[in-house]
């Protein structure tokens, strides 16, 4: 641990570097706790570049806590669609409703009240309170933990309870109490831009002289890698019904079921959002899908269904490696199933859907576009021949 004058020099160098070189990010232009909160939630499991357009669109539609609290849940999910980890959006709206009900729509400043909000843990609470209100709370997330592990040459799995607790104590000690918000952002910025997981740019680091990991020549190997959960392969057969007008239907967001822990749990794989009919398969995908569709349609014309394979796609959800086998099901009229929604195949994203569903829709659109182009080409050729005969 750094102490006394050495600690003061360490803080000054890092803060000076941050204020000079920090990235110009939209949430750094405000001290509005709602906007800072939104950025912190969006940046969980999401890269900065990917989050920015979502952040801006979300704020355009929901500029404050009250608007978010009163919004239809489907609209919130639709604007989150594509970011993944949709429980973040659901929890954020629940938290907004709690803030309106219990705190008159004002984001609380008491840490216990902040931690009682759905979806907010120690890191997020510390980030919001320090950046928005100047409260003296040090953040600790993956980026910060990596910086601290290299500074102190900390070996072993950082997520072990006692080791993580020690890292939090170190973060608390390093915290610059005069500028806690800038300090927390400076440490996070260092981890995101220079002290990266692979190939850290030590020679550009403003505090490299204080880094024990660099002195020992082990900075790149810290922190030690955690053992990942073994990947499980799941195969899904997916039905994309289409009528002559290019319309399809989606099934409603599934309710929670008891078997959510299974690797092929459909509600989990579609992020509990609107989705195409899908079934996990182990044998012949076409026959297993038809069997599922007959049950779904309860026999109403299902014996006449024909499924045509579209291709093979890959997708991943947490530890699951998913093989997607979409099938086109062409019908004169879409079947009537309770609570489904009819949409154009090209307009599936008008509903809150997961990336899995969006990926299947794109695959189904592509063959249709090729057929349309082919027909258009034949029509142009026919027109050319006709014009030639007329002497045009």
Protein backbone atom coordinates (compact mmCIF):
# COMPACT_ATOMS: atom_id res chain seq x y z
CA UNK A 1 0.00 0.00 0.00
CA UNK A 2 1.07 3.57 -0.74
CA UNK A 3 1.18 6.00 2.18
CA UNK A 4 2.00 9.60 2.97
CA UNK A 5 3.80 11.68 0.34
CA UNK A 6 3.99 8.74 -2.06
CA UNK A 7 0.22 8.33 -1.95
CA UNK A 8 -0.28 12.08 -2.50
CA UNK A 9 2.01 11.98 -5.56
CA UNK A 10 0.19 8.90 -6.89
CA UNK A 11 -3.19 10.62 -6.59
CA UNK A 12 -2.00 13.85 -8.21
CA UNK A 13 -0.42 12.11 -11.19
CA UNK A 14 -3.45 9.97 -11.91
CA UNK A 15 -5.90 12.86 -11.56
CA UNK A 16 -3.77 15.17 -13.71
CA UNK A 17 -3.59 12.47 -16.40
CA UNK A 18 -7.36 11.89 -16.27
CA UNK A 19 -8.27 15.56 -16.53
CA UNK A 20 -5.96 15.96 -19.50
CA UNK A 21 -6.64 12.76 -21.45
CA UNK A 22 -10.08 11.52 -20.43
CA UNK A 23 -12.46 10.50 -23.19
CA UNK A 24 -15.31 12.87 -23.99
CA UNK A 25 -18.29 10.68 -23.11
CA UNK A 26 -21.88 12.00 -22.95
CA UNK A 27 -22.41 11.00 -19.31
CA UNK A 28 -19.30 12.95 -18.29
CA UNK A 29 -20.95 16.21 -19.33
CA UNK A 30 -23.46 16.11 -16.49
CA UNK A 31 -23.84 15.53 -12.78
CA UNK A 32 -27.48 14.43 -13.15
CA UNK A 33 -27.72 11.23 -11.07
CA UNK A 34 -30.31 9.75 -13.45
CA UNK A 35 -28.00 10.06 -16.46
CA UNK A 36 -25.00 8.78 -14.53
CA UNK A 37 -27.09 5.88 -13.22
CA UNK A 38 -28.25 5.03 -16.76
CA UNK A 39 -24.68 5.03 -18.07
CA UNK A 40 -23.45 2.77 -15.27
CA UNK A 41 -26.26 0.26 -15.86
CA UNK A 42 -25.74 0.27 -19.64
CA UNK A 43 -21.98 -0.17 -19.29
CA UNK A 44 -22.43 -3.40 -17.35
CA UNK A 45 -21.46 -6.13 -19.84
CA UNK A 46 -21.41 -3.58 -22.70
CA UNK A 47 -18.58 -1.70 -24.40
CA UNK A 48 -18.61 2.11 -24.34
CA UNK A 49 -18.83 2.47 -28.13
CA UNK A 50 -21.84 0.14 -28.26
CA UNK A 51 -23.60 1.81 -25.32
CA UNK A 52 -23.44 5.44 -26.51
CA UNK A 53 -26.16 5.31 -29.23
CA UNK A 54 -28.47 3.36 -26.91
CA UNK A 55 -27.81 5.87 -24.13
CA UNK A 56 -28.73 8.81 -26.35
CA UNK A 57 -31.88 7.18 -27.78
CA UNK A 58 -33.02 6.07 -24.33
CA UNK A 59 -32.67 9.60 -22.91
CA UNK A 60 -34.48 11.10 -25.87
CA UNK A 61 -37.50 8.92 -25.06
CA UNK A 62 -37.10 8.83 -21.25
CA UNK A 63 -35.39 12.12 -20.25
CA UNK A 64 -36.01 11.73 -16.52
CA UNK A 65 -36.93 9.28 -13.78
CA UNK A 66 -40.63 10.14 -13.89
CA UNK A 67 -40.91 9.43 -17.62
CA UNK A 68 -39.14 6.10 -17.25
CA UNK A 69 -41.30 5.09 -14.28
CA UNK A 70 -44.54 5.80 -16.18
CA UNK A 71 -43.51 4.21 -19.49
CA UNK A 72 -45.00 0.97 -20.86
CA UNK A 73 -42.52 -1.84 -20.02
CA UNK A 74 -42.57 -2.99 -23.64
CA UNK A 75 -41.37 0.44 -24.77
CA UNK A 76 -38.49 0.34 -22.29
CA UNK A 77 -37.44 -3.09 -23.51
CA UNK A 78 -37.78 -2.07 -27.16
CA UNK A 79 -35.30 0.77 -26.69
CA UNK A 80 -32.99 -1.58 -24.80
CA UNK A 81 -33.32 -4.26 -27.46
CA UNK A 82 -29.90 -5.24 -28.79
CA UNK A 83 -27.96 -4.40 -25.63
CA UNK A 84 -28.69 -7.77 -24.04
CA UNK A 85 -28.98 -8.61 -20.34
CA UNK A 86 -32.53 -7.28 -20.34
CA UNK A 87 -32.99 -7.69 -16.59
CA UNK A 88 -30.96 -4.46 -16.39
CA UNK A 89 -33.75 -2.53 -18.13
CA UNK A 90 -36.50 -4.23 -16.15
CA UNK A 91 -34.76 -3.50 -12.85
CA UNK A 92 -34.04 0.09 -13.84
CA UNK A 93 -37.71 0.77 -14.49
CA UNK A 94 -38.68 -0.90 -11.20
CA UNK A 95 -36.11 1.27 -9.43
CA UNK A 96 -37.47 4.40 -11.14
CA UNK A 97 -40.97 3.52 -9.95
CA UNK A 98 -39.64 3.01 -6.42
CA UNK A 99 -37.89 6.40 -6.52
CA UNK A 100 -41.12 8.09 -7.62
CA UNK A 101 -43.17 6.29 -4.95
CA UNK A 102 -40.77 6.66 -2.02
CA UNK A 103 -38.51 9.61 -2.84
CA UNK A 104 -40.77 12.03 -4.74
CA UNK A 105 -38.92 11.28 -7.97
CA UNK A 106 -35.55 12.45 -6.62
CA UNK A 107 -32.62 10.05 -6.72
CA UNK A 108 -31.73 9.31 -3.06
CA UNK A 109 -28.39 10.31 -1.55
CA UNK A 110 -28.42 7.88 1.33
CA UNK A 111 -26.34 4.78 0.46
CA UNK A 112 -28.75 2.37 2.17
CA UNK A 113 -31.67 3.78 0.18
CA UNK A 114 -29.66 3.55 -3.05
CA UNK A 115 -28.69 -0.06 -2.34
CA UNK A 116 -32.35 -0.93 -1.77
CA UNK A 117 -33.15 -0.08 -5.39
CA UNK A 118 -33.50 -3.04 -7.80
CA UNK A 119 -30.41 -3.68 -9.90
CA UNK A 120 -28.05 -1.47 -7.87
CA UNK A 121 -25.16 -3.05 -5.99
CA UNK A 122 -22.13 -1.69 -4.17
CA UNK A 123 -20.21 -0.65 -7.28
CA UNK A 124 -23.11 1.15 -8.98
CA UNK A 125 -24.13 2.89 -5.76
CA UNK A 126 -20.57 4.13 -5.16
CA UNK A 127 -20.25 5.34 -8.75
CA UNK A 128 -23.50 7.33 -8.70
CA UNK A 129 -23.01 8.79 -5.23
CA UNK A 130 -19.42 9.86 -5.88
CA UNK A 131 -19.86 11.23 -9.41
CA UNK A 132 -23.26 12.90 -8.99
CA UNK A 133 -23.04 14.03 -5.35
CA UNK A 134 -19.33 14.03 -4.49
CA UNK A 135 -19.81 11.37 -1.80
CA UNK A 136 -16.65 9.66 -0.54
CA UNK A 137 -17.24 6.12 -1.78
CA UNK A 138 -14.64 4.17 -3.75
CA UNK A 139 -15.77 2.01 -6.67
CA UNK A 140 -14.61 -1.55 -7.24
CA UNK A 141 -15.43 -3.35 -10.48
CA UNK A 142 -13.45 -5.54 -12.85
CA UNK A 143 -11.46 -2.66 -14.35
CA UNK A 144 -10.59 -1.17 -10.97
CA UNK A 145 -9.75 -4.58 -9.48
CA UNK A 146 -7.33 -5.25 -12.35
CA UNK A 147 -5.56 -1.92 -11.76
CA UNK A 148 -5.31 -2.57 -8.02
CA UNK A 149 -4.11 -6.15 -8.55
CA UNK A 150 -1.26 -4.93 -10.75
CA UNK A 151 -0.38 -2.03 -8.46
CA UNK A 152 -0.08 -4.38 -5.49
CA UNK A 153 1.02 -7.51 -7.38
CA UNK A 154 -2.02 -9.37 -6.02
CA UNK A 155 -2.06 -13.01 -7.08
CA UNK A 156 -4.91 -15.50 -7.09
CA UNK A 157 -8.61 -15.28 -7.96
CA UNK A 158 -9.67 -11.71 -7.19
CA UNK A 159 -13.30 -12.75 -6.72
CA UNK A 160 -12.53 -14.84 -3.65
CA UNK A 161 -14.46 -13.08 -0.89
CA UNK A 162 -11.55 -12.17 1.40
CA UNK A 163 -9.37 -11.01 -1.52
CA UNK A 164 -12.16 -8.88 -2.98
CA UNK A 165 -12.79 -7.35 0.44
CA UNK A 166 -9.09 -6.49 0.73
CA UNK A 167 -9.18 -4.85 -2.71
CA UNK A 168 -12.14 -2.74 -1.57
CA UNK A 169 -10.15 -1.65 1.47
CA UNK A 170 -7.26 -0.67 -0.81
CA UNK A 171 -9.64 1.25 -3.08
CA UNK A 172 -10.98 3.11 -0.05
CA UNK A 173 -7.44 4.05 1.00
CA UNK A 174 -6.44 5.28 -2.45
CA UNK A 175 -9.63 7.37 -2.87
CA UNK A 176 -8.99 11.09 -3.20
CA UNK A 177 -11.51 12.52 -0.73
CA UNK A 178 -11.36 15.99 -2.32
CA UNK A 179 -12.44 14.71 -5.76
CA UNK A 180 -14.05 11.27 -5.25
CA UNK A 181 -16.03 11.39 -8.49
CA UNK A 182 -13.06 12.30 -10.67
CA UNK A 183 -10.88 9.83 -8.79
CA UNK A 184 -13.20 6.90 -9.37
CA UNK A 185 -13.52 7.78 -13.04
CA UNK A 186 -9.73 8.16 -13.32
CA UNK A 187 -9.08 4.65 -12.01
CA UNK A 188 -11.78 3.22 -14.27
CA UNK A 189 -10.38 5.17 -17.24
CA UNK A 190 -6.90 3.85 -16.56
CA UNK A 191 -8.22 0.28 -16.57
CA UNK A 192 -10.28 0.83 -19.71
CA UNK A 193 -7.63 2.56 -21.83
CA UNK A 194 -4.10 1.70 -20.63
CA UNK A 195 -4.15 -0.98 -17.93
CA UNK A 196 -6.16 -3.29 -20.20
CA UNK A 197 -6.63 -7.05 -19.73
CA UNK A 198 -4.22 -7.85 -22.56
CA UNK A 199 -1.05 -5.96 -23.52
CA UNK A 200 -1.21 -3.16 -20.92
CA UNK A 201 0.50 0.02 -22.13
CA UNK A 202 2.76 0.40 -19.12
CA UNK A 203 5.10 2.93 -20.73
CA UNK A 204 2.18 5.37 -21.15
CA UNK A 205 0.84 4.82 -17.63
CA UNK A 206 1.02 7.98 -15.48
CA UNK A 207 1.58 5.92 -12.31
CA UNK A 208 3.84 3.13 -13.62
CA UNK A 209 6.54 3.91 -11.04
CA UNK A 210 4.15 2.80 -8.29
CA UNK A 211 3.20 -0.52 -9.93
CA UNK A 212 4.60 -3.59 -8.14
CA UNK A 213 3.35 -5.87 -10.90
CA UNK A 214 5.47 -4.03 -13.47
CA UNK A 215 8.53 -4.01 -11.19
CA UNK A 216 8.24 -7.79 -10.84
CA UNK A 217 7.60 -8.28 -14.55
CA UNK A 218 4.23 -9.96 -13.99
CA UNK A 219 1.79 -7.14 -14.86
CA UNK A 220 0.52 -8.88 -18.00
CA UNK A 221 -0.24 -12.10 -16.11
CA UNK A 222 -2.33 -10.30 -13.48
CA UNK A 223 -5.01 -10.79 -12.48
CA UNK A 224 -4.91 -14.56 -12.73
CA UNK A 225 -7.61 -15.98 -14.98
CA UNK A 226 -10.70 -17.43 -13.39
CA UNK A 227 -11.93 -20.84 -14.42
CA UNK A 228 -14.82 -20.39 -16.82
CA UNK A 229 -17.92 -22.51 -16.74
CA UNK A 230 -17.76 -25.14 -19.45
CA UNK A 231 -19.76 -24.18 -22.54
CA UNK A 232 -22.92 -26.15 -23.29
CA UNK A 233 -24.13 -26.59 -26.85
CA UNK A 234 -27.84 -26.16 -27.52
CA UNK A 235 -29.63 -26.64 -30.86
CA UNK A 236 -32.83 -24.70 -31.50
CA UNK A 237 -35.21 -25.20 -34.41
CA UNK A 238 -37.11 -21.97 -35.06
CA UNK A 239 -40.25 -21.47 -37.16
CA UNK A 240 -40.72 -18.26 -39.15
CA UNK A 241 -44.27 -18.19 -40.50
CA UNK A 242 -44.82 -15.91 -43.50
CA UNK A 243 -47.92 -15.07 -45.48
CA UNK A 244 -48.17 -13.66 -49.01
CA UNK A 245 -47.84 -10.11 -47.70
CA UNK A 246 -44.59 -10.74 -45.86
CA UNK A 247 -46.17 -10.82 -42.42
CA UNK A 248 -45.19 -13.11 -39.59
CA UNK A 249 -46.15 -13.52 -35.96
CA UNK A 250 -44.27 -13.57 -32.68
CA UNK A 251 -45.14 -15.34 -29.47
CA UNK A 252 -45.47 -13.18 -26.32
CA UNK A 253 -42.76 -12.87 -23.69
CA UNK A 254 -42.79 -16.17 -21.77
CA UNK A 255 -43.53 -16.23 -18.08
CA UNK A 256 -41.05 -17.62 -15.59
CA UNK A 257 -41.04 -21.39 -15.28
CA UNK A 258 -39.43 -23.75 -12.80
CA UNK A 259 -36.93 -25.27 -15.22
CA UNK A 260 -35.08 -21.99 -15.84
CA UNK A 261 -31.78 -23.57 -14.76
CA UNK A 262 -31.70 -25.92 -17.77
CA UNK A 263 -29.34 -24.99 -20.61
CA UNK A 264 -32.11 -25.18 -23.26
CA UNK A 265 -34.68 -23.13 -21.32
CA UNK A 266 -36.42 -21.22 -24.11
CA UNK A 267 -37.56 -18.20 -22.00
CA UNK A 268 -33.95 -17.62 -20.96
CA UNK A 269 -32.61 -18.05 -24.51
CA UNK A 270 -35.04 -15.46 -25.92
CA UNK A 271 -34.44 -13.13 -22.93
CA UNK A 272 -38.12 -13.39 -21.95
CA UNK A 273 -39.10 -11.21 -24.90
CA UNK A 274 -41.24 -11.55 -28.05
CA UNK A 275 -39.94 -14.44 -30.14
CA UNK A 276 -40.54 -16.87 -32.98
CA UNK A 277 -41.83 -20.37 -32.11
CA UNK A 278 -38.76 -22.38 -31.11
CA UNK A 279 -37.95 -25.76 -29.65
CA UNK A 280 -34.77 -27.41 -28.44
CA UNK A 281 -33.98 -30.42 -30.64
CA UNK A 282 -31.72 -33.45 -30.35
CA UNK A 283 -32.75 -35.50 -33.40
CA UNK A 284 -34.21 -34.50 -36.77
CA UNK A 285 -34.89 -30.76 -36.40
CA UNK A 286 -37.62 -30.54 -39.06
CA UNK A 287 -39.73 -33.36 -37.64
CA UNK A 288 -39.25 -32.21 -34.04
CA UNK A 289 -40.21 -28.66 -35.01
CA UNK A 290 -43.33 -29.90 -36.82
CA UNK A 291 -44.30 -31.93 -33.78
CA UNK A 292 -43.95 -28.82 -31.60
CA UNK A 293 -45.96 -26.69 -34.04
CA UNK A 294 -48.82 -29.20 -34.11
CA UNK A 295 -49.08 -28.88 -30.34
CA UNK A 296 -48.82 -25.10 -30.54
CA UNK A 297 -51.56 -24.86 -33.20
CA UNK A 298 -53.66 -27.56 -31.53
CA UNK A 299 -54.14 -29.38 -34.81
CA UNK A 300 -55.78 -26.48 -36.70
CA UNK A 301 -54.41 -27.18 -40.18
CA UNK A 302 -51.06 -28.15 -38.74
CA UNK A 303 -50.99 -31.43 -40.65
CA UNK A 304 -50.54 -29.44 -43.89
CA UNK A 305 -47.56 -27.43 -42.68
CA UNK A 306 -44.33 -27.61 -44.64
CA UNK A 307 -41.06 -26.33 -43.24
CA UNK A 308 -38.16 -25.20 -45.42
CA UNK A 309 -34.69 -24.82 -43.87
CA UNK A 310 -33.16 -21.35 -44.19
CA UNK A 311 -29.65 -22.10 -43.02
CA UNK A 312 -27.57 -22.46 -39.90
CA UNK A 313 -26.67 -19.66 -37.45
CA UNK A 314 -24.59 -19.41 -34.29
CA UNK A 315 -25.50 -17.48 -31.17
CA UNK A 316 -24.32 -17.33 -27.57
CA UNK A 317 -26.16 -16.65 -24.32
CA UNK A 318 -23.96 -16.72 -21.19
CA UNK A 319 -22.34 -20.19 -21.13
CA UNK A 320 -24.54 -21.57 -23.93
CA UNK A 321 -23.33 -22.00 -27.50
CA UNK A 322 -26.49 -22.06 -29.56
CA UNK A 323 -26.92 -23.53 -33.02
CA UNK A 324 -29.95 -21.85 -34.62
CA UNK A 325 -31.78 -23.75 -37.36
CA UNK A 326 -34.46 -21.40 -38.74
CA UNK A 327 -37.22 -22.80 -40.96
CA UNK A 328 -39.57 -20.82 -43.17
CA UNK A 329 -43.23 -21.88 -42.91
CA UNK A 330 -45.21 -20.36 -45.81
CA UNK A 331 -48.96 -20.09 -45.25
CA UNK A 332 -51.85 -18.36 -47.00
CA UNK A 333 -53.10 -17.02 -43.69
CA UNK A 334 -51.24 -16.78 -40.40
CA UNK A 335 -52.64 -19.08 -37.74
CA UNK A 336 -54.61 -17.57 -34.89
CA UNK A 337 -52.85 -18.12 -31.57
CA UNK A 338 -53.86 -16.25 -28.43
CA UNK A 339 -51.71 -13.24 -27.44
CA UNK A 340 -49.44 -13.39 -30.51
CA UNK A 341 -48.62 -10.26 -32.50
CA UNK A 342 -48.68 -9.97 -36.26
CA UNK A 343 -45.83 -7.90 -37.70
CA UNK A 344 -44.03 -7.55 -40.99
CA UNK A 345 -40.97 -9.75 -41.14
CA UNK A 346 -38.84 -6.67 -41.77
CA UNK A 347 -40.45 -4.88 -38.80
CA UNK A 348 -39.79 -7.45 -36.08
CA UNK A 349 -37.62 -4.95 -34.19
CA UNK A 350 -40.65 -2.73 -33.63
CA UNK A 351 -41.32 -5.09 -30.72
CA UNK A 352 -38.91 -5.72 -27.86
CA UNK A 353 -36.98 -8.72 -29.15
CA UNK A 354 -33.65 -10.30 -28.29
CA UNK A 355 -30.62 -10.46 -30.57
CA UNK A 356 -31.41 -14.14 -31.13
CA UNK A 357 -34.83 -13.28 -32.59
CA UNK A 358 -33.42 -10.41 -34.62
CA UNK A 359 -30.75 -12.72 -36.06
CA UNK A 360 -33.37 -15.27 -37.14
CA UNK A 361 -35.49 -12.54 -38.75
CA UNK A 362 -32.53 -11.29 -40.79
CA UNK A 363 -31.81 -14.82 -41.99
CA UNK A 364 -35.46 -15.25 -43.05
CA UNK A 365 -35.53 -11.93 -44.88
CA UNK A 366 -32.40 -12.63 -46.94
CA UNK A 367 -33.82 -15.55 -49.02
CA UNK A 368 -37.04 -13.62 -49.60
CA UNK A 369 -35.05 -10.64 -50.90
CA UNK A 370 -33.07 -12.92 -53.23
CA UNK A 371 -36.30 -14.39 -54.61
CA UNK A 372 -37.78 -10.91 -55.01
CA UNK A 373 -34.66 -9.70 -56.85
CA UNK A 374 -34.75 -12.75 -59.09
CA UNK A 375 -38.41 -12.13 -59.98
CA UNK A 376 -37.65 -8.46 -60.57
CA UNK A 377 -34.79 -9.45 -62.88
CA UNK A 378 -37.11 -11.74 -64.85
CA UNK A 379 -39.67 -8.92 -65.14
CA UNK A 380 -37.06 -6.48 -66.44
CA UNK A 381 -35.83 -9.06 -68.96
CA UNK A 382 -39.40 -9.70 -70.14
CA UNK A 383 -39.99 -5.95 -70.47
CA UNK A 384 -36.78 -5.57 -72.49
CA UNK A 385 -37.84 -8.34 -74.90
CA UNK A 386 -41.27 -6.79 -75.29
CA UNK A 387 -39.80 -3.37 -76.00
CA UNK A 388 -37.46 -4.87 -78.60
CA UNK A 389 -40.40 -6.48 -80.41
CA UNK A 390 -42.21 -3.15 -80.46
CA UNK A 391 -39.12 -1.56 -81.95
CA UNK A 392 -38.58 0.74 -78.98
